[in-house]
């Protein structure tokens, strides 16, 4: 079954304008067999938030998302930091 993605259109526009990439384009991290995943336990968000570090658009990205039924709801993303890239295995 194909994975379904969704996101807030305003957040998508903001990321494109401020960070230079489309949030829906970084969904390629989910196809990366080397990706690293963990649950974000820093705060009680009222839902389980997950963090994935993987390769998309020729770079390593960190993507925060949650599951809303069958939809992978993208919350935000950024180019991975040095520490995140090391965790991913990209030195």
PDB file of N, CA and C in Angstrom:
ATOM      1  N   UNK A   1       0.831  -1.184   0.000  1.00  0.00           N
ATOM      2  CA  UNK A   1       0.000   0.000   0.000  1.00  0.00           C
ATOM      3  C   UNK A   1       0.878   1.253   0.000  1.00  0.00           C
ATOM      4  N   UNK A   2       0.501   2.203  -0.802  1.00  0.00           N
ATOM      5  CA  UNK A   2       1.258   3.449  -0.913  1.00  0.00           C
ATOM      6  C   UNK A   2       1.016   4.319   0.314  1.00  0.00           C
ATOM      7  N   UNK A   3       2.077   4.929   0.790  1.00  0.00           N
ATOM      8  CA  UNK A   3       1.986   5.800   1.965  1.00  0.00           C
ATOM      9  C   UNK A   3       1.358   7.130   1.562  1.00  0.00           C
ATOM     10  N   UNK A   4       0.419   7.619   2.358  1.00  0.00           N
ATOM     11  CA  UNK A   4      -0.232   8.897   2.111  1.00  0.00           C
ATOM     12  C   UNK A   4       0.401   9.975   2.979  1.00  0.00           C
ATOM     13  N   UNK A   5       0.622  11.158   2.402  1.00  0.00           N
ATOM     14  CA  UNK A   5       1.229  12.266   3.129  1.00  0.00           C
ATOM     15  C   UNK A   5       0.317  13.473   3.116  1.00  0.00           C
ATOM     16  N   UNK A   6       0.383  14.244   4.196  1.00  0.00           N
ATOM     17  CA  UNK A   6      -0.334  15.498   4.279  1.00  0.00           C
ATOM     18  C   UNK A   6       0.452  16.478   5.109  1.00  0.00           C
ATOM     19  N   UNK A   7       0.116  17.751   5.001  1.00  0.00           N
ATOM     20  CA  UNK A   7       0.779  18.775   5.800  1.00  0.00           C
ATOM     21  C   UNK A   7      -0.065  20.048   5.762  1.00  0.00           C
ATOM     22  N   UNK A   8       0.242  20.950   6.663  1.00  0.00           N
ATOM     23  CA  UNK A   8      -0.403  22.249   6.711  1.00  0.00           C
ATOM     24  C   UNK A   8       0.099  23.071   5.517  1.00  0.00           C
ATOM     25  N   UNK A   9      -0.792  23.542   4.647  1.00  0.00           N
ATOM     26  CA  UNK A   9      -0.345  24.309   3.473  1.00  0.00           C
ATOM     27  C   UNK A   9       0.464  25.561   3.843  1.00  0.00           C
ATOM     28  N   UNK A  10       0.102  26.217   4.946  1.00  0.00           N
ATOM     29  CA  UNK A  10       0.853  27.415   5.361  1.00  0.00           C
ATOM     30  C   UNK A  10       2.275  27.036   5.772  1.00  0.00           C
ATOM     31  N   UNK A  11       2.434  25.922   6.477  1.00  0.00           N
ATOM     32  CA  UNK A  11       3.769  25.465   6.887  1.00  0.00           C
ATOM     33  C   UNK A  11       4.581  25.089   5.649  1.00  0.00           C
ATOM     34  N   UNK A  12       3.934  24.449   4.692  1.00  0.00           N
ATOM     35  CA  UNK A  12       4.611  24.067   3.445  1.00  0.00           C
ATOM     36  C   UNK A  12       5.147  25.302   2.725  1.00  0.00           C
ATOM     37  N   UNK A  13       4.317  26.354   2.616  1.00  0.00           N
ATOM     38  CA  UNK A  13       4.757  27.600   1.967  1.00  0.00           C
ATOM     39  C   UNK A  13       5.892  28.245   2.743  1.00  0.00           C
ATOM     40  N   UNK A  14       5.788  28.256   4.089  1.00  0.00           N
ATOM     41  CA  UNK A  14       6.818  28.873   4.909  1.00  0.00           C
ATOM     42  C   UNK A  14       8.158  28.170   4.702  1.00  0.00           C
ATOM     43  N   UNK A  15       8.141  26.830   4.725  1.00  0.00           N
ATOM     44  CA  UNK A  15       9.397  26.094   4.537  1.00  0.00           C
ATOM     45  C   UNK A  15       9.993  26.357   3.157  1.00  0.00           C
ATOM     46  N   UNK A  16       9.159  26.433   2.150  1.00  0.00           N
ATOM     47  CA  UNK A  16       9.654  26.719   0.807  1.00  0.00           C
ATOM     48  C   UNK A  16      10.291  28.107   0.758  1.00  0.00           C
ATOM     49  N   UNK A  17       9.634  29.088   1.367  1.00  0.00           N
ATOM     50  CA  UNK A  17      10.161  30.457   1.355  1.00  0.00           C
ATOM     51  C   UNK A  17      11.376  30.639   2.257  1.00  0.00           C
ATOM     52  N   UNK A  18      11.348  30.056   3.456  1.00  0.00           N
ATOM     53  CA  UNK A  18      12.403  30.288   4.445  1.00  0.00           C
ATOM     54  C   UNK A  18      13.578  29.316   4.341  1.00  0.00           C
ATOM     55  N   UNK A  19      13.299  28.060   3.985  1.00  0.00           N
ATOM     56  CA  UNK A  19      14.361  27.052   3.974  1.00  0.00           C
ATOM     57  C   UNK A  19      14.674  26.529   2.576  1.00  0.00           C
ATOM     58  N   UNK A  20      13.870  26.897   1.599  1.00  0.00           N
ATOM     59  CA  UNK A  20      14.187  26.590   0.212  1.00  0.00           C
ATOM     60  C   UNK A  20      13.859  25.184  -0.251  1.00  0.00           C
ATOM     61  N   UNK A  21      12.969  24.485   0.441  1.00  0.00           N
ATOM     62  CA  UNK A  21      12.558  23.156  -0.031  1.00  0.00           C
ATOM     63  C   UNK A  21      11.080  22.943   0.263  1.00  0.00           C
ATOM     64  N   UNK A  22      10.489  22.078  -0.537  1.00  0.00           N
ATOM     65  CA  UNK A  22       9.073  21.744  -0.380  1.00  0.00           C
ATOM     66  C   UNK A  22       8.960  20.595   0.616  1.00  0.00           C
ATOM     67  N   UNK A  23       8.131  20.767   1.621  1.00  0.00           N
ATOM     68  CA  UNK A  23       7.950  19.751   2.654  1.00  0.00           C
ATOM     69  C   UNK A  23       7.559  18.405   2.049  1.00  0.00           C
ATOM     70  N   UNK A  24       6.745  18.420   1.010  1.00  0.00           N
ATOM     71  CA  UNK A  24       6.336  17.151   0.401  1.00  0.00           C
ATOM     72  C   UNK A  24       7.473  16.481  -0.374  1.00  0.00           C
ATOM     73  N   UNK A  25       8.475  17.237  -0.795  1.00  0.00           N
ATOM     74  CA  UNK A  25       9.624  16.634  -1.490  1.00  0.00           C
ATOM     75  C   UNK A  25      10.526  15.846  -0.551  1.00  0.00           C
ATOM     76  N   UNK A  26      10.550  16.201   0.736  1.00  0.00           N
ATOM     77  CA  UNK A  26      11.422  15.485   1.662  1.00  0.00           C
ATOM     78  C   UNK A  26      10.802  14.174   2.140  1.00  0.00           C
ATOM     79  N   UNK A  27       9.621  13.832   1.644  1.00  0.00           N
ATOM     80  CA  UNK A  27       9.025  12.528   1.981  1.00  0.00           C
ATOM     81  C   UNK A  27       9.889  11.383   1.478  1.00  0.00           C
ATOM     82  N   UNK A  28      10.843  11.678   0.620  1.00  0.00           N
ATOM     83  CA  UNK A  28      11.777  10.644   0.145  1.00  0.00           C
ATOM     84  C   UNK A  28      12.557  10.023   1.298  1.00  0.00           C
ATOM     85  N   UNK A  29      12.655  10.703   2.451  1.00  0.00           N
ATOM     86  CA  UNK A  29      13.369  10.121   3.594  1.00  0.00           C
ATOM     87  C   UNK A  29      12.734   8.795   4.016  1.00  0.00           C
ATOM     88  N   UNK A  30      11.439   8.642   3.791  1.00  0.00           N
ATOM     89  CA  UNK A  30      10.746   7.421   4.216  1.00  0.00           C
ATOM     90  C   UNK A  30      11.084   6.217   3.328  1.00  0.00           C
ATOM     91  N   UNK A  31      11.629   6.469   2.152  1.00  0.00           N
ATOM     92  CA  UNK A  31      12.065   5.388   1.264  1.00  0.00           C
ATOM     93  C   UNK A  31      13.531   5.026   1.489  1.00  0.00           C
ATOM     94  N   UNK A  32      14.235   5.803   2.285  1.00  0.00           N
ATOM     95  CA  UNK A  32      15.649   5.583   2.568  1.00  0.00           C
ATOM     96  C   UNK A  32      15.792   4.393   3.525  1.00  0.00           C
ATOM     97  N   UNK A  33      16.399   3.326   3.057  1.00  0.00           N
ATOM     98  CA  UNK A  33      16.554   2.120   3.886  1.00  0.00           C
ATOM     99  C   UNK A  33      17.547   2.321   5.020  1.00  0.00           C
ATOM    100  N   UNK A  34      18.319   3.401   4.987  1.00  0.00           N
ATOM    101  CA  UNK A  34      19.289   3.695   6.040  1.00  0.00           C
ATOM    102  C   UNK A  34      18.739   4.704   7.055  1.00  0.00           C
ATOM    103  N   UNK A  35      17.502   5.124   6.895  1.00  0.00           N
ATOM    104  CA  UNK A  35      16.942   6.175   7.758  1.00  0.00           C
ATOM    105  C   UNK A  35      16.987   5.767   9.224  1.00  0.00           C
ATOM    106  N   UNK A  36      16.972   6.762  10.080  1.00  0.00           N
ATOM    107  CA  UNK A  36      16.955   6.559  11.522  1.00  0.00           C
ATOM    108  C   UNK A  36      15.655   7.156  12.059  1.00  0.00           C
ATOM    109  N   UNK A  37      14.954   6.413  12.904  1.00  0.00           N
ATOM    110  CA  UNK A  37      13.668   6.844  13.429  1.00  0.00           C
ATOM    111  C   UNK A  37      13.668   6.794  14.948  1.00  0.00           C
ATOM    112  N   UNK A  38      12.959   7.734  15.564  1.00  0.00           N
ATOM    113  CA  UNK A  38      12.712   7.668  17.002  1.00  0.00           C
ATOM    114  C   UNK A  38      11.472   8.489  17.344  1.00  0.00           C
ATOM    115  N   UNK A  39      10.918   8.217  18.499  1.00  0.00           N
ATOM    116  CA  UNK A  39       9.766   8.963  18.994  1.00  0.00           C
ATOM    117  C   UNK A  39      10.278  10.197  19.718  1.00  0.00           C
ATOM    118  N   UNK A  40       9.662  11.347  19.463  1.00  0.00           N
ATOM    119  CA  UNK A  40      10.025  12.599  20.125  1.00  0.00           C
ATOM    120  C   UNK A  40       9.357  12.618  21.499  1.00  0.00           C
ATOM    121  N   UNK A  41      10.139  12.447  22.544  1.00  0.00           N
ATOM    122  CA  UNK A  41       9.633  12.376  23.917  1.00  0.00           C
ATOM    123  C   UNK A  41       9.865  13.667  24.701  1.00  0.00           C
ATOM    124  N   UNK A  42      10.305  14.738  24.032  1.00  0.00           N
ATOM    125  CA  UNK A  42      10.666  15.965  24.743  1.00  0.00           C
ATOM    126  C   UNK A  42       9.483  16.632  25.436  1.00  0.00           C
ATOM    127  N   UNK A  43       8.307  16.584  24.810  1.00  0.00           N
ATOM    128  CA  UNK A  43       7.121  17.251  25.347  1.00  0.00           C
ATOM    129  C   UNK A  43       5.908  16.349  25.171  1.00  0.00           C
ATOM    130  N   UNK A  44       4.826  16.681  25.867  1.00  0.00           N
ATOM    131  CA  UNK A  44       3.550  16.015  25.648  1.00  0.00           C
ATOM    132  C   UNK A  44       2.814  16.833  24.593  1.00  0.00           C
ATOM    133  N   UNK A  45       2.833  16.342  23.376  1.00  0.00           N
ATOM    134  CA  UNK A  45       2.215  17.058  22.265  1.00  0.00           C
ATOM    135  C   UNK A  45       0.732  16.714  22.112  1.00  0.00           C
ATOM    136  N   UNK A  46       0.255  15.754  22.893  1.00  0.00           N
ATOM    137  CA  UNK A  46      -1.113  15.308  22.743  1.00  0.00           C
ATOM    138  C   UNK A  46      -1.268  14.278  21.638  1.00  0.00           C
ATOM    139  N   UNK A  47      -0.173  13.923  21.020  1.00  0.00           N
ATOM    140  CA  UNK A  47      -0.118  12.891  19.986  1.00  0.00           C
ATOM    141  C   UNK A  47       1.318  12.385  19.926  1.00  0.00           C
ATOM    142  N   UNK A  48       1.517  11.216  19.391  1.00  0.00           N
ATOM    143  CA  UNK A  48       2.866  10.674  19.269  1.00  0.00           C
ATOM    144  C   UNK A  48       3.548  11.312  18.070  1.00  0.00           C
ATOM    145  N   UNK A  49       4.615  12.033  18.330  1.00  0.00           N
ATOM    146  CA  UNK A  49       5.413  12.624  17.251  1.00  0.00           C
ATOM    147  C   UNK A  49       6.654  11.782  17.044  1.00  0.00           C
ATOM    148  N   UNK A  50       6.972  11.592  15.801  1.00  0.00           N
ATOM    149  CA  UNK A  50       8.135  10.799  15.421  1.00  0.00           C
ATOM    150  C   UNK A  50       9.109  11.668  14.642  1.00  0.00           C
ATOM    151  N   UNK A  51      10.379  11.284  14.713  1.00  0.00           N
ATOM    152  CA  UNK A  51      11.441  11.996  14.012  1.00  0.00           C
ATOM    153  C   UNK A  51      12.164  10.985  13.136  1.00  0.00           C
ATOM    154  N   UNK A  52      12.346  11.325  11.875  1.00  0.00           N
ATOM    155  CA  UNK A  52      13.081  10.475  10.946  1.00  0.00           C
ATOM    156  C   UNK A  52      14.211  11.298  10.345  1.00  0.00           C
ATOM    157  N   UNK A  53      15.397  10.703  10.298  1.00  0.00           N
ATOM    158  CA  UNK A  53      16.553  11.315   9.644  1.00  0.00           C
ATOM    159  C   UNK A  53      16.871  10.432   8.444  1.00  0.00           C
ATOM    160  N   UNK A  54      16.881  11.041   7.268  1.00  0.00           N
ATOM    161  CA  UNK A  54      17.149  10.268   6.058  1.00  0.00           C
ATOM    162  C   UNK A  54      17.515  11.166   4.895  1.00  0.00           C
ATOM    163  N   UNK A  55      17.820  10.531   3.789  1.00  0.00           N
ATOM    164  CA  UNK A  55      18.282  11.245   2.605  1.00  0.00           C
ATOM    165  C   UNK A  55      17.106  11.582   1.690  1.00  0.00           C
ATOM    166  N   UNK A  56      17.089  12.839   1.240  1.00  0.00           N
ATOM    167  CA  UNK A  56      16.120  13.332   0.267  1.00  0.00           C
ATOM    168  C   UNK A  56      16.755  14.512  -0.461  1.00  0.00           C
ATOM    169  N   UNK A  57      16.419  14.682  -1.705  1.00  0.00           N
ATOM    170  CA  UNK A  57      16.922  15.823  -2.481  1.00  0.00           C
ATOM    171  C   UNK A  57      18.444  15.902  -2.466  1.00  0.00           C
ATOM    172  N   UNK A  58      19.110  14.754  -2.326  1.00  0.00           N
ATOM    173  CA  UNK A  58      20.566  14.709  -2.338  1.00  0.00           C
ATOM    174  C   UNK A  58      21.233  15.140  -1.051  1.00  0.00           C
ATOM    175  N   UNK A  59      20.444  15.356   0.007  1.00  0.00           N
ATOM    176  CA  UNK A  59      20.965  15.789   1.304  1.00  0.00           C
ATOM    177  C   UNK A  59      20.314  14.961   2.404  1.00  0.00           C
ATOM    178  N   UNK A  60      20.796  15.128   3.626  1.00  0.00           N
ATOM    179  CA  UNK A  60      20.193  14.457   4.774  1.00  0.00           C
ATOM    180  C   UNK A  60      19.273  15.459   5.474  1.00  0.00           C
ATOM    181  N   UNK A  61      18.040  15.027   5.725  1.00  0.00           N
ATOM    182  CA  UNK A  61      17.031  15.871   6.369  1.00  0.00           C
ATOM    183  C   UNK A  61      16.520  15.210   7.629  1.00  0.00           C
ATOM    184  N   UNK A  62      16.045  16.038   8.543  1.00  0.00           N
ATOM    185  CA  UNK A  62      15.313  15.595   9.725  1.00  0.00           C
ATOM    186  C   UNK A  62      13.863  15.987   9.503  1.00  0.00           C
ATOM    187  N   UNK A  63      12.965  15.011   9.638  1.00  0.00           N
ATOM    188  CA  UNK A  63      11.541  15.241   9.403  1.00  0.00           C
ATOM    189  C   UNK A  63      10.762  14.851  10.658  1.00  0.00           C
ATOM    190  N   UNK A  64       9.907  15.745  11.127  1.00  0.00           N
ATOM    191  CA  UNK A  64       9.041  15.479  12.272  1.00  0.00           C
ATOM    192  C   UNK A  64       7.636  15.246  11.728  1.00  0.00           C
ATOM    193  N   UNK A  65       7.001  14.177  12.210  1.00  0.00           N
ATOM    194  CA  UNK A  65       5.675  13.832  11.698  1.00  0.00           C
ATOM    195  C   UNK A  65       4.879  13.079  12.756  1.00  0.00           C
ATOM    196  N   UNK A  66       3.606  12.885  12.469  1.00  0.00           N
ATOM    197  CA  UNK A  66       2.736  12.068  13.302  1.00  0.00           C
ATOM    198  C   UNK A  66       1.822  11.280  12.367  1.00  0.00           C
ATOM    199  N   UNK A  67       1.232  10.241  12.878  1.00  0.00           N
ATOM    200  CA  UNK A  67       0.271   9.474  12.088  1.00  0.00           C
ATOM    201  C   UNK A  67      -1.130   9.951  12.445  1.00  0.00           C
ATOM    202  N   UNK A  68      -1.887  10.301  11.456  1.00  0.00           N
ATOM    203  CA  UNK A  68      -3.300  10.687  11.635  1.00  0.00           C
ATOM    204  C   UNK A  68      -4.109   9.741  10.765  1.00  0.00           C
ATOM    205  N   UNK A  69      -4.516   8.648  11.395  1.00  0.00           N
ATOM    206  CA  UNK A  69      -5.168   7.584  10.633  1.00  0.00           C
ATOM    207  C   UNK A  69      -4.162   7.019   9.649  1.00  0.00           C
ATOM    208  N   UNK A  70      -4.538   6.887   8.377  1.00  0.00           N
ATOM    209  CA  UNK A  70      -3.609   6.333   7.383  1.00  0.00           C
ATOM    210  C   UNK A  70      -2.631   7.368   6.816  1.00  0.00           C
ATOM    211  N   UNK A  71      -2.755   8.622   7.259  1.00  0.00           N
ATOM    212  CA  UNK A  71      -1.951   9.709   6.694  1.00  0.00           C
ATOM    213  C   UNK A  71      -0.731  10.006   7.561  1.00  0.00           C
ATOM    214  N   UNK A  72       0.428  10.051   6.916  1.00  0.00           N
ATOM    215  CA  UNK A  72       1.646  10.517   7.571  1.00  0.00           C
ATOM    216  C   UNK A  72       1.602  12.038   7.501  1.00  0.00           C
ATOM    217  N   UNK A  73       1.310  12.679   8.644  1.00  0.00           N
ATOM    218  CA  UNK A  73       1.139  14.126   8.695  1.00  0.00           C
ATOM    219  C   UNK A  73       2.477  14.775   9.022  1.00  0.00           C
ATOM    220  N   UNK A  74       3.018  15.492   8.043  1.00  0.00           N
ATOM    221  CA  UNK A  74       4.318  16.139   8.188  1.00  0.00           C
ATOM    222  C   UNK A  74       4.162  17.429   8.976  1.00  0.00           C
ATOM    223  N   UNK A  75       4.952  17.560  10.025  1.00  0.00           N
ATOM    224  CA  UNK A  75       4.875  18.736  10.893  1.00  0.00           C
ATOM    225  C   UNK A  75       5.925  19.770  10.505  1.00  0.00           C
ATOM    226  N   UNK A  76       7.163  19.325  10.350  1.00  0.00           N
ATOM    227  CA  UNK A  76       8.234  20.229   9.937  1.00  0.00           C
ATOM    228  C   UNK A  76       9.426  19.403   9.468  1.00  0.00           C
ATOM    229  N   UNK A  77      10.394  20.080   8.905  1.00  0.00           N
ATOM    230  CA  UNK A  77      11.631  19.430   8.458  1.00  0.00           C
ATOM    231  C   UNK A  77      12.727  20.479   8.366  1.00  0.00           C
ATOM    232  N   UNK A  78      13.967  19.998   8.405  1.00  0.00           N
ATOM    233  CA  UNK A  78      15.115  20.886   8.250  1.00  0.00           C
ATOM    234  C   UNK A  78      16.300  20.056   7.765  1.00  0.00           C
ATOM    235  N   UNK A  79      17.275  20.716   7.119  1.00  0.00           N
ATOM    236  CA  UNK A  79      18.507  19.997   6.785  1.00  0.00           C
ATOM    237  C   UNK A  79      19.142  19.517   8.090  1.00  0.00           C
ATOM    238  N   UNK A  80      19.532  18.264   8.132  1.00  0.00           N
ATOM    239  CA  UNK A  80      20.066  17.666   9.354  1.00  0.00           C
ATOM    240  C   UNK A  80      21.309  18.409   9.839  1.00  0.00           C
ATOM    241  N   UNK A  81      21.404  18.534  11.156  1.00  0.00           N
ATOM    242  CA  UNK A  81      22.587  19.137  11.775  1.00  0.00           C
ATOM    243  C   UNK A  81      23.756  18.158  11.693  1.00  0.00           C
ATOM    244  N   UNK A  82      24.934  18.616  12.050  1.00  0.00           N
ATOM    245  CA  UNK A  82      26.108  17.739  12.048  1.00  0.00           C
ATOM    246  C   UNK A  82      25.860  16.522  12.932  1.00  0.00           C
ATOM    247  N   UNK A  83      25.324  16.739  14.118  1.00  0.00           N
ATOM    248  CA  UNK A  83      25.048  15.641  15.047  1.00  0.00           C
ATOM    249  C   UNK A  83      24.007  14.676  14.459  1.00  0.00           C
ATOM    250  N   UNK A  84      22.974  15.214  13.837  1.00  0.00           N
ATOM    251  CA  UNK A  84      21.950  14.368  13.213  1.00  0.00           C
ATOM    252  C   UNK A  84      22.538  13.582  12.039  1.00  0.00           C
ATOM    253  N   UNK A  85      23.400  14.217  11.246  1.00  0.00           N
ATOM    254  CA  UNK A  85      24.040  13.503  10.125  1.00  0.00           C
ATOM    255  C   UNK A  85      24.940  12.387  10.643  1.00  0.00           C
ATOM    256  N   UNK A  86      25.643  12.622  11.744  1.00  0.00           N
ATOM    257  CA  UNK A  86      26.471  11.570  12.338  1.00  0.00           C
ATOM    258  C   UNK A  86      25.618  10.414  12.823  1.00  0.00           C
ATOM    259  N   UNK A  87      24.484  10.715  13.459  1.00  0.00           N
ATOM    260  CA  UNK A  87      23.555   9.677  13.907  1.00  0.00           C
ATOM    261  C   UNK A  87      23.067   8.860  12.709  1.00  0.00           C
ATOM    262  N   UNK A  88      22.825   9.531  11.603  1.00  0.00           N
ATOM    263  CA  UNK A  88      22.385   8.888  10.372  1.00  0.00           C
ATOM    264  C   UNK A  88      23.497   8.008   9.797  1.00  0.00           C
ATOM    265  N   UNK A  89      24.734   8.415  10.028  1.00  0.00           N
ATOM    266  CA  UNK A  89      25.865   7.654   9.502  1.00  0.00           C
ATOM    267  C   UNK A  89      26.546   8.360   8.337  1.00  0.00           C
ATOM    268  N   UNK A  90      26.226   9.617   8.144  1.00  0.00           N
ATOM    269  CA  UNK A  90      26.790  10.418   7.062  1.00  0.00           C
ATOM    270  C   UNK A  90      27.806  11.377   7.655  1.00  0.00           C
ATOM    271  N   UNK A  91      29.044  11.039   7.579  1.00  0.00           N
ATOM    272  CA  UNK A  91      30.087  11.867   8.203  1.00  0.00           C
ATOM    273  C   UNK A  91      30.709  12.761   7.213  1.00  0.00           C
TER     274      UNK A  91
END
